PDB file of N, CA and C in Angstrom:
ATOM      1  N   MET A   1     -12.374  14.613  92.991  1.00  0.00           N
ATOM      2  CA  MET A   1     -12.707  13.225  92.628  1.00  0.00           C
ATOM      3  C   MET A   1     -12.007  12.432  93.440  1.00  0.00           C
ATOM      4  N   THR A   2     -12.439  11.422  93.870  1.00  0.00           N
ATOM      5  CA  THR A   2     -11.969  10.382  95.024  1.00  0.00           C
ATOM      6  C   THR A   2     -11.126   9.437  94.335  1.00  0.00           C
ATOM      7  N   ARG A   3      -9.937   8.706  94.953  1.00  0.00           N
ATOM      8  CA  ARG A   3      -9.182   7.770  94.511  1.00  0.00           C
ATOM      9  C   ARG A   3     -10.013   6.465  93.889  1.00  0.00           C
ATOM     10  N   SER A   4     -11.103   6.410  94.455  1.00  0.00           N
ATOM     11  CA  SER A   4     -12.235   5.229  94.196  1.00  0.00           C
ATOM     12  C   SER A   4     -12.522   5.216  92.616  1.00  0.00           C
ATOM     13  N   ARG A   5     -12.945   6.461  92.523  1.00  0.00           N
ATOM     14  CA  ARG A   5     -13.431   7.113  90.872  1.00  0.00           C
ATOM     15  C   ARG A   5     -12.427   6.765  90.145  1.00  0.00           C
ATOM     16  N   ALA A   6     -11.235   6.777  90.279  1.00  0.00           N
ATOM     17  CA  ALA A   6     -10.063   6.575  89.368  1.00  0.00           C
ATOM     18  C   ALA A   6      -9.848   5.167  89.122  1.00  0.00           C
ATOM     19  N   GLN A   7     -10.437   4.506  89.897  1.00  0.00           N
ATOM     20  CA  GLN A   7     -10.432   2.780  89.521  1.00  0.00           C
ATOM     21  C   GLN A   7     -11.606   2.333  88.921  1.00  0.00           C
ATOM     22  N   ASN A   8     -12.738   3.294  88.765  1.00  0.00           N
ATOM     23  CA  ASN A   8     -14.107   2.890  88.079  1.00  0.00           C
ATOM     24  C   ASN A   8     -13.651   2.615  86.729  1.00  0.00           C
ATOM     25  N   THR A   9     -13.960   1.326  86.273  1.00  0.00           N
ATOM     26  CA  THR A   9     -13.911   0.780  84.999  1.00  0.00           C
ATOM     27  C   THR A   9     -15.230   1.129  84.043  1.00  0.00           C
ATOM     28  N   ASN A  10     -16.103   1.775  84.671  1.00  0.00           N
ATOM     29  CA  ASN A  10     -17.406   1.920  83.949  1.00  0.00           C
ATOM     30  C   ASN A  10     -17.918   3.287  83.867  1.00  0.00           C
ATOM     31  N   VAL A  11     -16.651   4.065  83.233  1.00  0.00           N
ATOM     32  CA  VAL A  11     -16.817   5.527  83.079  1.00  0.00           C
ATOM     33  C   VAL A  11     -16.497   6.013  81.796  1.00  0.00           C
ATOM     34  N   CYS A  12     -16.854   7.051  81.033  1.00  0.00           N
ATOM     35  CA  CYS A  12     -16.196   7.138  79.750  1.00  0.00           C
ATOM     36  C   CYS A  12     -14.665   7.703  79.912  1.00  0.00           C
ATOM     37  N   GLY A  13     -13.990   7.382  78.605  1.00  0.00           N
ATOM     38  CA  GLY A  13     -12.525   7.631  78.599  1.00  0.00           C
ATOM     39  C   GLY A  13     -12.180   8.760  79.185  1.00  0.00           C
ATOM     40  N   VAL A  14     -12.916  10.189  78.942  1.00  0.00           N
ATOM     41  CA  VAL A  14     -12.048  11.371  79.281  1.00  0.00           C
ATOM     42  C   VAL A  14     -12.383  11.353  80.691  1.00  0.00           C
ATOM     43  N   THR A  15     -13.599  10.824  81.442  1.00  0.00           N
ATOM     44  CA  THR A  15     -13.533  10.494  83.077  1.00  0.00           C
ATOM     45  C   THR A  15     -12.358   9.965  83.417  1.00  0.00           C
ATOM     46  N   ALA A  16     -12.109   8.951  82.860  1.00  0.00           N
ATOM     47  CA  ALA A  16     -11.022   8.077  83.286  1.00  0.00           C
ATOM     48  C   ALA A  16      -9.581   8.672  83.250  1.00  0.00           C
ATOM     49  N   ALA A  17      -9.382   9.466  82.171  1.00  0.00           N
ATOM     50  CA  ALA A  17      -8.398  10.383  82.145  1.00  0.00           C
ATOM     51  C   ALA A  17      -8.035  11.501  83.165  1.00  0.00           C
ATOM     52  N   ILE A  18      -8.976  12.222  83.297  1.00  0.00           N
ATOM     53  CA  ILE A  18      -9.197  13.113  84.312  1.00  0.00           C
ATOM     54  C   ILE A  18      -8.898  12.416  85.669  1.00  0.00           C
ATOM     55  N   ALA A  19      -9.712  11.629  86.140  1.00  0.00           N
ATOM     56  CA  ALA A  19      -9.494  10.770  87.339  1.00  0.00           C
ATOM     57  C   ALA A  19      -8.088  10.727  87.800  1.00  0.00           C
ATOM     58  N   VAL A  20      -7.267  10.331  86.644  1.00  0.00           N
ATOM     59  CA  VAL A  20      -5.938  10.436  87.054  1.00  0.00           C
ATOM     60  C   VAL A  20      -4.994  11.511  87.143  1.00  0.00           C
ATOM     61  N   ILE A  21      -5.425  12.704  86.689  1.00  0.00           N
ATOM     62  CA  ILE A  21      -4.666  13.963  86.931  1.00  0.00           C
ATOM     63  C   ILE A  21      -5.558  15.133  87.609  1.00  0.00           C
ATOM     64  N   ASP A  22      -6.537  14.525  88.239  1.00  0.00           N
ATOM     65  CA  ASP A  22      -7.241  15.282  89.240  1.00  0.00           C
ATOM     66  C   ASP A  22      -6.750  16.006  90.379  1.00  0.00           C
ATOM     67  N   GLY A  23      -6.873  17.076  90.690  1.00  0.00           N
ATOM     68  CA  GLY A  23      -6.008  17.719  91.779  1.00  0.00           C
ATOM     69  C   GLY A  23      -5.145  19.021  91.174  1.00  0.00           C
ATOM     70  N   LYS A  24      -4.732  19.819  92.126  1.00  0.00           N
ATOM     71  CA  LYS A  24      -4.373  20.998  91.925  1.00  0.00           C
ATOM     72  C   LYS A  24      -2.680  20.725  91.230  1.00  0.00           C
ATOM     73  N   TRP A  25      -1.741  19.684  91.514  1.00  0.00           N
ATOM     74  CA  TRP A  25      -0.635  19.469  91.411  1.00  0.00           C
ATOM     75  C   TRP A  25      -0.318  18.592  90.334  1.00  0.00           C
ATOM     76  N   LYS A  26      -1.277  17.547  89.895  1.00  0.00           N
ATOM     77  CA  LYS A  26      -0.719  16.458  89.084  1.00  0.00           C
ATOM     78  C   LYS A  26      -0.367  16.808  87.868  1.00  0.00           C
ATOM     79  N   THR A  27      -0.943  17.849  87.138  1.00  0.00           N
ATOM     80  CA  THR A  27      -0.421  18.426  85.963  1.00  0.00           C
ATOM     81  C   THR A  27       0.675  19.458  86.139  1.00  0.00           C
ATOM     82  N   ALA A  28       0.640  20.019  86.701  1.00  0.00           N
ATOM     83  CA  ALA A  28       2.080  20.765  87.053  1.00  0.00           C
ATOM     84  C   ALA A  28       3.226  19.401  87.221  1.00  0.00           C
ATOM     85  N   LEU A  29       3.023  18.572  88.014  1.00  0.00           N
ATOM     86  CA  LEU A  29       4.070  17.466  88.178  1.00  0.00           C
ATOM     87  C   LEU A  29       4.437  16.796  87.004  1.00  0.00           C
ATOM     88  N   LEU A  30       3.434  16.497  86.044  1.00  0.00           N
ATOM     89  CA  LEU A  30       3.542  16.053  84.639  1.00  0.00           C
ATOM     90  C   LEU A  30       4.391  16.857  83.891  1.00  0.00           C
ATOM     91  N   TRP A  31       4.239  18.383  83.712  1.00  0.00           N
ATOM     92  CA  TRP A  31       4.963  19.157  83.219  1.00  0.00           C
ATOM     93  C   TRP A  31       6.507  19.308  83.551  1.00  0.00           C
ATOM     94  N   LEU A  32       6.552  19.097  84.838  1.00  0.00           N
ATOM     95  CA  LEU A  32       7.846  19.317  85.328  1.00  0.00           C
ATOM     96  C   LEU A  32       8.888  18.097  84.835  1.00  0.00           C
ATOM     97  N   LEU A  33       8.116  16.901  85.191  1.00  0.00           N
ATOM     98  CA  LEU A  33       8.742  15.671  84.807  1.00  0.00           C
ATOM     99  C   LEU A  33       9.152  15.168  83.357  1.00  0.00           C
ATOM    100  N   GLU A  34       8.473  16.052  82.447  1.00  0.00           N
ATOM    101  CA  GLU A  34       8.551  15.864  81.201  1.00  0.00           C
ATOM    102  C   GLU A  34      10.138  16.231  80.747  1.00  0.00           C
ATOM    103  N   SER A  35      10.699  17.300  81.360  1.00  0.00           N
ATOM    104  CA  SER A  35      11.989  17.485  81.233  1.00  0.00           C
ATOM    105  C   SER A  35      13.096  16.622  81.787  1.00  0.00           C
ATOM    106  N   GLY A  36      12.734  15.360  82.715  1.00  0.00           N
ATOM    107  CA  GLY A  36      13.548  14.523  83.199  1.00  0.00           C
ATOM    108  C   GLY A  36      13.488  14.310  84.580  1.00  0.00           C
ATOM    109  N   PRO A  37      14.131  13.220  85.220  1.00  0.00           N
ATOM    110  CA  PRO A  37      13.927  12.900  86.618  1.00  0.00           C
ATOM    111  C   PRO A  37      14.263  14.163  87.416  1.00  0.00           C
ATOM    112  N   HIS A  38      13.594  14.101  88.589  1.00  0.00           N
ATOM    113  CA  HIS A  38      13.640  14.992  89.514  1.00  0.00           C
ATOM    114  C   HIS A  38      13.688  14.286  91.079  1.00  0.00           C
ATOM    115  N   ARG A  39      14.061  14.980  91.936  1.00  0.00           N
ATOM    116  CA  ARG A  39      14.459  14.594  93.196  1.00  0.00           C
ATOM    117  C   ARG A  39      13.032  15.389  93.898  1.00  0.00           C
ATOM    118  N   PRO A  40      12.734  15.012  95.236  1.00  0.00           N
ATOM    119  CA  PRO A  40      11.419  15.613  95.611  1.00  0.00           C
ATOM    120  C   PRO A  40      11.901  16.693  96.159  1.00  0.00           C
ATOM    121  N   GLY A  41      12.847  17.183  96.395  1.00  0.00           N
ATOM    122  CA  GLY A  41      13.487  18.430  97.031  1.00  0.00           C
ATOM    123  C   GLY A  41      13.323  19.560  95.891  1.00  0.00           C
ATOM    124  N   GLU A  42      13.881  19.021  94.615  1.00  0.00           N
ATOM    125  CA  GLU A  42      14.040  20.161  93.561  1.00  0.00           C
ATOM    126  C   GLU A  42      12.480  20.350  93.081  1.00  0.00           C
ATOM    127  N   MET A  43      11.514  19.248  93.139  1.00  0.00           N
ATOM    128  CA  MET A  43      10.175  19.509  92.749  1.00  0.00           C
ATOM    129  C   MET A  43       9.494  20.582  93.746  1.00  0.00           C
ATOM    130  N   LEU A  44       9.940  20.393  94.989  1.00  0.00           N
ATOM    131  CA  LEU A  44       9.155  21.484  96.107  1.00  0.00           C
ATOM    132  C   LEU A  44       9.827  22.894  95.501  1.00  0.00           C
ATOM    133  N   ARG A  45      11.067  23.079  95.381  1.00  0.00           N
ATOM    134  CA  ARG A  45      11.598  24.175  94.979  1.00  0.00           C
ATOM    135  C   ARG A  45      11.072  24.772  93.679  1.00  0.00           C
ATOM    136  N   ARG A  46      10.679  23.824  92.682  1.00  0.00           N
ATOM    137  CA  ARG A  46      10.213  24.073  91.327  1.00  0.00           C
ATOM    138  C   ARG A  46       8.807  24.584  91.306  1.00  0.00           C
ATOM    139  N   LEU A  47       7.885  24.057  92.179  1.00  0.00           N
ATOM    140  CA  LEU A  47       6.711  24.416  92.329  1.00  0.00           C
ATOM    141  C   LEU A  47       6.151  24.906  93.696  1.00  0.00           C
ATOM    142  N   PRO A  48       6.605  26.523  93.812  1.00  0.00           N
ATOM    143  CA  PRO A  48       6.129  27.074  94.966  1.00  0.00           C
ATOM    144  C   PRO A  48       4.685  26.810  95.233  1.00  0.00           C
ATOM    145  N   GLY A  49       4.773  27.064  96.561  1.00  0.00           N
ATOM    146  CA  GLY A  49       3.068  26.508  97.175  1.00  0.00           C
ATOM    147  C   GLY A  49       2.977  25.051  97.681  1.00  0.00           C
ATOM    148  N   ILE A  50       3.576  24.024  96.785  1.00  0.00           N
ATOM    149  CA  ILE A  50       3.194  22.687  97.197  1.00  0.00           C
ATOM    150  C   ILE A  50       3.861  22.459  98.339  1.00  0.00           C
ATOM    151  N   ARG A  51       3.022  21.736  99.495  1.00  0.00           N
ATOM    152  CA  ARG A  51       3.450  21.308 100.499  1.00  0.00           C
ATOM    153  C   ARG A  51       4.371  19.830 100.241  1.00  0.00           C
ATOM    154  N   GLU A  52       5.173  19.374 101.277  1.00  0.00           N
ATOM    155  CA  GLU A  52       5.879  18.005 101.108  1.00  0.00           C
ATOM    156  C   GLU A  52       4.781  16.867 100.932  1.00  0.00           C
ATOM    157  N   LYS A  53       3.899  17.165 102.065  1.00  0.00           N
ATOM    158  CA  LYS A  53       2.855  16.012 102.321  1.00  0.00           C
ATOM    159  C   LYS A  53       1.941  15.968 100.956  1.00  0.00           C
ATOM    160  N   VAL A  54       1.498  16.868 100.499  1.00  0.00           N
ATOM    161  CA  VAL A  54       0.731  16.985  99.164  1.00  0.00           C
ATOM    162  C   VAL A  54       1.784  16.323  97.967  1.00  0.00           C
ATOM    163  N   LEU A  55       3.218  16.614  97.918  1.00  0.00           N
ATOM    164  CA  LEU A  55       3.857  16.248  96.874  1.00  0.00           C
ATOM    165  C   LEU A  55       3.822  14.801  97.128  1.00  0.00           C
ATOM    166  N   THR A  56       4.181  14.255  98.098  1.00  0.00           N
ATOM    167  CA  THR A  56       4.442  12.894  98.430  1.00  0.00           C
ATOM    168  C   THR A  56       3.088  12.002  98.105  1.00  0.00           C
ATOM    169  N   GLN A  57       1.951  12.432  98.446  1.00  0.00           N
ATOM    170  CA  GLN A  57       0.528  11.998  98.152  1.00  0.00           C
ATOM    171  C   GLN A  57       0.094  12.043  96.565  1.00  0.00           C
ATOM    172  N   ALA A  58       0.681  13.049  96.012  1.00  0.00           N
ATOM    173  CA  ALA A  58       0.364  13.035  94.691  1.00  0.00           C
ATOM    174  C   ALA A  58       1.209  12.278  93.763  1.00  0.00           C
ATOM    175  N   LEU A  59       2.695  12.113  94.209  1.00  0.00           N
ATOM    176  CA  LEU A  59       3.439  11.149  93.646  1.00  0.00           C
ATOM    177  C   LEU A  59       3.063   9.530  93.841  1.00  0.00           C
ATOM    178  N   ARG A  60       2.940   9.630  95.077  1.00  0.00           N
ATOM    179  CA  ARG A  60       2.187   7.884  95.286  1.00  0.00           C
ATOM    180  C   ARG A  60       1.223   7.662  94.337  1.00  0.00           C
ATOM    181  N   GLU A  61       0.445   8.504  94.369  1.00  0.00           N
ATOM    182  CA  GLU A  61      -0.951   8.095  93.397  1.00  0.00           C
ATOM    183  C   GLU A  61      -0.744   8.079  92.004  1.00  0.00           C
ATOM    184  N   MET A  62       0.301   8.803  91.524  1.00  0.00           N
ATOM    185  CA  MET A  62       0.652   8.986  90.340  1.00  0.00           C
ATOM    186  C   MET A  62       1.574   7.614  89.965  1.00  0.00           C
ATOM    187  N   GLU A  63       2.110   7.269  90.854  1.00  0.00           N
ATOM    188  CA  GLU A  63       2.871   5.986  90.863  1.00  0.00           C
ATOM    189  C   GLU A  63       2.129   4.836  90.678  1.00  0.00           C
ATOM    190  N   ALA A  64       1.153   4.686  91.468  1.00  0.00           N
ATOM    191  CA  ALA A  64       0.017   3.809  91.372  1.00  0.00           C
ATOM    192  C   ALA A  64      -0.779   3.632  90.249  1.00  0.00           C
ATOM    193  N   ASP A  65      -0.808   4.868  89.682  1.00  0.00           N
ATOM    194  CA  ASP A  65      -1.747   4.689  88.306  1.00  0.00           C
ATOM    195  C   ASP A  65      -0.686   4.504  87.026  1.00  0.00           C
ATOM    196  N   GLY A  66       0.567   4.351  87.355  1.00  0.00           N
ATOM    197  CA  GLY A  66       1.545   3.858  86.398  1.00  0.00           C
ATOM    198  C   GLY A  66       2.054   5.154  85.718  1.00  0.00           C
ATOM    199  N   LEU A  67       1.923   6.514  86.097  1.00  0.00           N
ATOM    200  CA  LEU A  67       2.365   7.513  85.428  1.00  0.00           C
ATOM    201  C   LEU A  67       4.013   7.757  85.708  1.00  0.00           C
ATOM    202  N   VAL A  68       4.206   7.507  86.946  1.00  0.00           N
ATOM    203  CA  VAL A  68       5.808   7.715  87.342  1.00  0.00           C
ATOM    204  C   VAL A  68       6.475   6.558  87.846  1.00  0.00           C
ATOM    205  N   HIS A  69       7.791   6.793  87.741  1.00  0.00           N
ATOM    206  CA  HIS A  69       8.560   5.509  88.285  1.00  0.00           C
ATOM    207  C   HIS A  69       9.417   6.217  89.580  1.00  0.00           C
ATOM    208  N   ARG A  70       9.399   5.439  90.487  1.00  0.00           N
ATOM    209  CA  ARG A  70      10.132   6.082  91.763  1.00  0.00           C
ATOM    210  C   ARG A  70      11.564   5.231  91.744  1.00  0.00           C
ATOM    211  N   GLU A  71      12.519   5.586  91.707  1.00  0.00           N
ATOM    212  CA  GLU A  71      13.745   5.047  91.938  1.00  0.00           C
ATOM    213  C   GLU A  71      14.615   5.561  92.985  1.00  0.00           C
ATOM    214  N   VAL A  72      14.840   4.595  93.859  1.00  0.00           N
ATOM    215  CA  VAL A  72      15.692   4.872  95.246  1.00  0.00           C
ATOM    216  C   VAL A  72      17.042   4.403  94.745  1.00  0.00           C
ATOM    217  N   HIS A  73      17.988   5.313  94.928  1.00  0.00           N
ATOM    218  CA  HIS A  73      19.527   4.980  94.829  1.00  0.00           C
ATOM    219  C   HIS A  73      19.753   4.460  96.282  1.00  0.00           C
ATOM    220  N   ASP A  74      20.737   3.502  96.061  1.00  0.00           N
ATOM    221  CA  ASP A  74      21.364   2.996  97.130  1.00  0.00           C
ATOM    222  C   ASP A  74      22.517   3.762  98.036  1.00  0.00           C
ATOM    223  N   VAL A  75      22.426   4.770  98.261  1.00  0.00           N
ATOM    224  CA  VAL A  75      23.501   5.862  98.701  1.00  0.00           C
ATOM    225  C   VAL A  75      23.352   6.345 100.154  1.00  0.00           C
ATOM    226  N   LEU A  76      23.935   6.768 100.733  1.00  0.00           N
ATOM    227  CA  LEU A  76      23.773   7.606 101.842  1.00  0.00           C
ATOM    228  C   LEU A  76      23.944   9.118 101.567  1.00  0.00           C
ATOM    229  N   PRO A  77      23.093   9.909 101.994  1.00  0.00           N
ATOM    230  CA  PRO A  77      21.771   9.597 102.355  1.00  0.00           C
ATOM    231  C   PRO A  77      20.820   9.212 101.331  1.00  0.00           C
ATOM    232  N   LEU A  78      19.998   8.471 101.387  1.00  0.00           N
ATOM    233  CA  LEU A  78      19.031   7.870 100.198  1.00  0.00           C
ATOM    234  C   LEU A  78      18.685   8.713  99.140  1.00  0.00           C
ATOM    235  N   LYS A  79      19.061   8.549  98.071  1.00  0.00           N
ATOM    236  CA  LYS A  79      18.548   9.538  96.848  1.00  0.00           C
ATOM    237  C   LYS A  79      17.676   8.964  96.268  1.00  0.00           C
ATOM    238  N   THR A  80      16.406   9.570  96.154  1.00  0.00           N
ATOM    239  CA  THR A  80      15.116   9.175  95.535  1.00  0.00           C
ATOM    240  C   THR A  80      14.939  10.072  94.320  1.00  0.00           C
ATOM    241  N   GLU A  81      14.560   9.556  93.355  1.00  0.00           N
ATOM    242  CA  GLU A  81      14.223  10.136  91.956  1.00  0.00           C
ATOM    243  C   GLU A  81      12.806  10.021  91.344  1.00  0.00           C
ATOM    244  N   TYR A  82      12.169  10.765  90.767  1.00  0.00           N
ATOM    245  CA  TYR A  82      10.903  10.384  89.926  1.00  0.00           C
ATOM    246  C   TYR A  82      10.980  10.853  88.609  1.00  0.00           C
ATOM    247  N   SER A  83      10.591   9.828  87.928  1.00  0.00           N
ATOM    248  CA  SER A  83      10.555  10.156  86.396  1.00  0.00           C
ATOM    249  C   SER A  83       9.162   9.733  85.615  1.00  0.00           C
ATOM    250  N   LEU A  84       8.972  10.039  84.489  1.00  0.00           N
ATOM    251  CA  LEU A  84       7.812   9.612  83.987  1.00  0.00           C
ATOM    252  C   LEU A  84       8.008   8.308  83.394  1.00  0.00           C
ATOM    253  N   THR A  85       6.812   7.773  83.335  1.00  0.00           N
ATOM    254  CA  THR A  85       6.912   6.169  82.451  1.00  0.00           C
ATOM    255  C   THR A  85       6.416   6.383  81.223  1.00  0.00           C
ATOM    256  N   ALA A  86       6.503   5.441  80.433  1.00  0.00           N
ATOM    257  CA  ALA A  86       6.333   5.557  79.205  1.00  0.00           C
ATOM    258  C   ALA A  86       4.725   5.854  79.142  1.00  0.00           C
ATOM    259  N   PHE A  87       3.982   5.297  79.753  1.00  0.00           N
ATOM    260  CA  PHE A  87       2.378   5.597  80.091  1.00  0.00           C
ATOM    261  C   PHE A  87       2.455   7.246  80.544  1.00  0.00           C
ATOM    262  N   GLY A  88       3.072   7.523  81.295  1.00  0.00           N
ATOM    263  CA  GLY A  88       2.721   8.900  81.821  1.00  0.00           C
ATOM    264  C   GLY A  88       3.390  10.011  80.565  1.00  0.00           C
ATOM    265  N   ARG A  89       4.346   9.694  79.809  1.00  0.00           N
ATOM    266  CA  ARG A  89       4.704  10.319  78.527  1.00  0.00           C
ATOM    267  C   ARG A  89       3.674  10.451  77.731  1.00  0.00           C
ATOM    268  N   GLU A  90       3.082   9.533  77.598  1.00  0.00           N
ATOM    269  CA  GLU A  90       1.874   9.098  76.676  1.00  0.00           C
ATOM    270  C   GLU A  90       0.833  10.268  77.196  1.00  0.00           C
ATOM    271  N   LEU A  91       0.454  10.212  78.348  1.00  0.00           N
ATOM    272  CA  LEU A  91      -0.624  11.146  78.947  1.00  0.00           C
ATOM    273  C   LEU A  91      -0.250  12.490  78.640  1.00  0.00           C
ATOM    274  N   SER A  92       1.143  12.759  79.002  1.00  0.00           N
ATOM    275  CA  SER A  92       1.722  14.349  78.839  1.00  0.00           C
ATOM    276  C   SER A  92       1.217  14.586  77.210  1.00  0.00           C
ATOM    277  N   GLU A  93       1.552  13.740  76.423  1.00  0.00           N
ATOM    278  CA  GLU A  93       1.651  14.222  74.919  1.00  0.00           C
ATOM    279  C   GLU A  93       0.191  14.177  74.768  1.00  0.00           C
ATOM    280  N   ALA A  94      -0.799  13.279  75.120  1.00  0.00           N
ATOM    281  CA  ALA A  94      -2.315  13.500  75.005  1.00  0.00           C
ATOM    282  C   ALA A  94      -2.755  14.753  75.418  1.00  0.00           C
ATOM    283  N   LEU A  95      -2.336  15.301  76.452  1.00  0.00           N
ATOM    284  CA  LEU A  95      -2.536  16.625  77.145  1.00  0.00           C
ATOM    285  C   LEU A  95      -2.247  18.028  76.469  1.00  0.00           C
ATOM    286  N   ALA A  96      -1.162  17.633  75.360  1.00  0.00           N
ATOM    287  CA  ALA A  96      -0.579  18.833  74.807  1.00  0.00           C
ATOM    288  C   ALA A  96      -1.561  19.549  74.027  1.00  0.00           C
ATOM    289  N   PRO A  97      -2.364  19.131  72.969  1.00  0.00           N
ATOM    290  CA  PRO A  97      -3.587  19.909  72.594  1.00  0.00           C
ATOM    291  C   PRO A  97      -4.620  20.495  73.526  1.00  0.00           C
ATOM    292  N   LEU A  98      -4.714  19.820  74.551  1.00  0.00           N
ATOM    293  CA  LEU A  98      -5.567  20.657  75.520  1.00  0.00           C
ATOM    294  C   LEU A  98      -4.906  21.523  76.200  1.00  0.00           C
ATOM    295  N   SER A  99      -3.527  21.801  76.415  1.00  0.00           N
ATOM    296  CA  SER A  99      -2.714  23.008  76.727  1.00  0.00           C
ATOM    297  C   SER A  99      -2.789  24.000  75.740  1.00  0.00           C
ATOM    298  N   ASP A 100      -2.621  23.531  74.607  1.00  0.00           N
ATOM    299  CA  ASP A 100      -2.523  24.583  73.412  1.00  0.00           C
ATOM    300  C   ASP A 100      -4.069  25.271  73.824  1.00  0.00           C
ATOM    301  N   TRP A 101      -5.077  24.379  73.797  1.00  0.00           N
ATOM    302  CA  TRP A 101      -6.312  25.229  73.807  1.00  0.00           C
ATOM    303  C   TRP A 101      -6.392  26.177  74.962  1.00  0.00           C
ATOM    304  N   GLY A 102      -5.931  25.773  76.294  1.00  0.00           N
ATOM    305  CA  GLY A 102      -5.916  26.569  77.315  1.00  0.00           C
ATOM    306  C   GLY A 102      -5.202  27.891  77.108  1.00  0.00           C
ATOM    307  N   HIS A 103      -3.971  27.824  76.291  1.00  0.00           N
ATOM    308  CA  HIS A 103      -3.131  29.000  76.074  1.00  0.00           C
ATOM    309  C   HIS A 103      -3.961  29.971  75.203  1.00  0.00           C
ATOM    310  N   ARG A 104      -4.766  29.399  74.390  1.00  0.00           N
ATOM    311  CA  ARG A 104      -5.529  30.358  73.539  1.00  0.00           C
ATOM    312  C   ARG A 104      -6.671  30.734  74.318  1.00  0.00           C
ATOM    313  N   ARG A 105      -7.256  29.925  74.921  1.00  0.00           N
ATOM    314  CA  ARG A 105      -8.211  30.585  75.968  1.00  0.00           C
ATOM    315  C   ARG A 105      -7.823  32.002  76.744  1.00  0.00           C
ATOM    316  N   LEU A 106      -6.669  31.719  77.462  1.00  0.00           N
ATOM    317  CA  LEU A 106      -5.839  32.739  78.228  1.00  0.00           C
ATOM    318  C   LEU A 106      -5.576  33.731  77.436  1.00  0.00           C
ATOM    319  N   ALA A 107      -5.280  33.573  76.069  1.00  0.00           N
ATOM    320  CA  ALA A 107      -4.923  34.859  75.242  1.00  0.00           C
ATOM    321  C   ALA A 107      -6.012  35.781  74.893  1.00  0.00           C
ATOM    322  N   ARG A 108      -7.536  34.840  74.688  1.00  0.00           N
ATOM    323  CA  ARG A 108      -8.666  35.739  74.408  1.00  0.00           C
ATOM    324  C   ARG A 108      -9.116  36.170  75.654  1.00  0.00           C
ATOM    325  N   LEU A 109      -8.701  35.722  77.018  1.00  0.00           N
ATOM    326  CA  LEU A 109      -9.229  36.387  78.162  1.00  0.00           C
ATOM    327  C   LEU A 109      -8.488  37.933  78.564  1.00  0.00           C
ATOM    328  N   ILE A 110      -7.166  37.652  77.923  1.00  0.00           N
ATOM    329  CA  ILE A 110      -6.308  39.116  78.189  1.00  0.00           C
ATOM    330  C   ILE A 110      -6.827  39.732  76.932  1.00  0.00           C
ATOM    331  N   GLU A 111      -7.102  39.368  75.694  1.00  0.00           N
ATOM    332  CA  GLU A 111      -7.552  40.623  74.792  1.00  0.00           C
ATOM    333  C   GLU A 111      -8.946  41.011  75.599  1.00  0.00           C
ATOM    334  N   ALA A 112      -9.843  40.351  75.829  1.00  0.00           N
ATOM    335  CA  ALA A 112     -11.151  40.908  76.308  1.00  0.00           C
ATOM    336  C   ALA A 112     -10.947  41.743  77.568  1.00  0.00           C
ATOM    337  N   GLN A 113      -9.904  41.371  78.344  1.00  0.00           N
ATOM    338  CA  GLN A 113      -9.801  42.374  79.317  1.00  0.00           C
ATOM    339  C   GLN A 113      -9.293  43.948  78.843  1.00  0.00           C
ATOM    340  N   SER A 114      -8.311  43.389  78.015  1.00  0.00           N
ATOM    341  CA  SER A 114      -7.519  44.812  77.398  1.00  0.00           C
ATOM    342  C   SER A 114      -8.569  45.917  76.445  1.00  0.00           C
ATOM    343  N   ALA A 115      -9.830  45.123  75.928  1.00  0.00           N
ATOM    344  CA  ALA A 115     -10.916  45.817  75.312  1.00  0.00           C
ATOM    345  C   ALA A 115     -11.885  46.536  76.023  1.00  0.00           C
ATOM    346  N   SER A 116     -11.593  46.073  77.373  1.00  0.00           N
ATOM    347  CA  SER A 116     -12.421  46.749  78.282  1.00  0.00           C
ATOM    348  C   SER A 116     -12.176  47.642  79.059  1.00  0.00           C
TER     349      SER A 116
END
């Protein structure tokens, strides 16, 4: 999904929500930031496989969508932390039932594999 689609106001609510979490890493970042503020280096360590460029891009998009807050502390070296905004926490809470459904689906897949 393109960023322009995330700005389209002529779509259904589900499409509007999916537009801001589209991509491989945004839901993982939401999940990680639920536990509190994190620095980019911490996020890179906690999410193996994500590249720094991709992390930066995802965080910028999430900040533009009002999901995360970026705070730069005026110390040397500069210290940057990201945290969920109230809007981001609201989205995370809205996704909780979908996560529960996903876990039930995974359990069914495991049961089906065990039965075969």
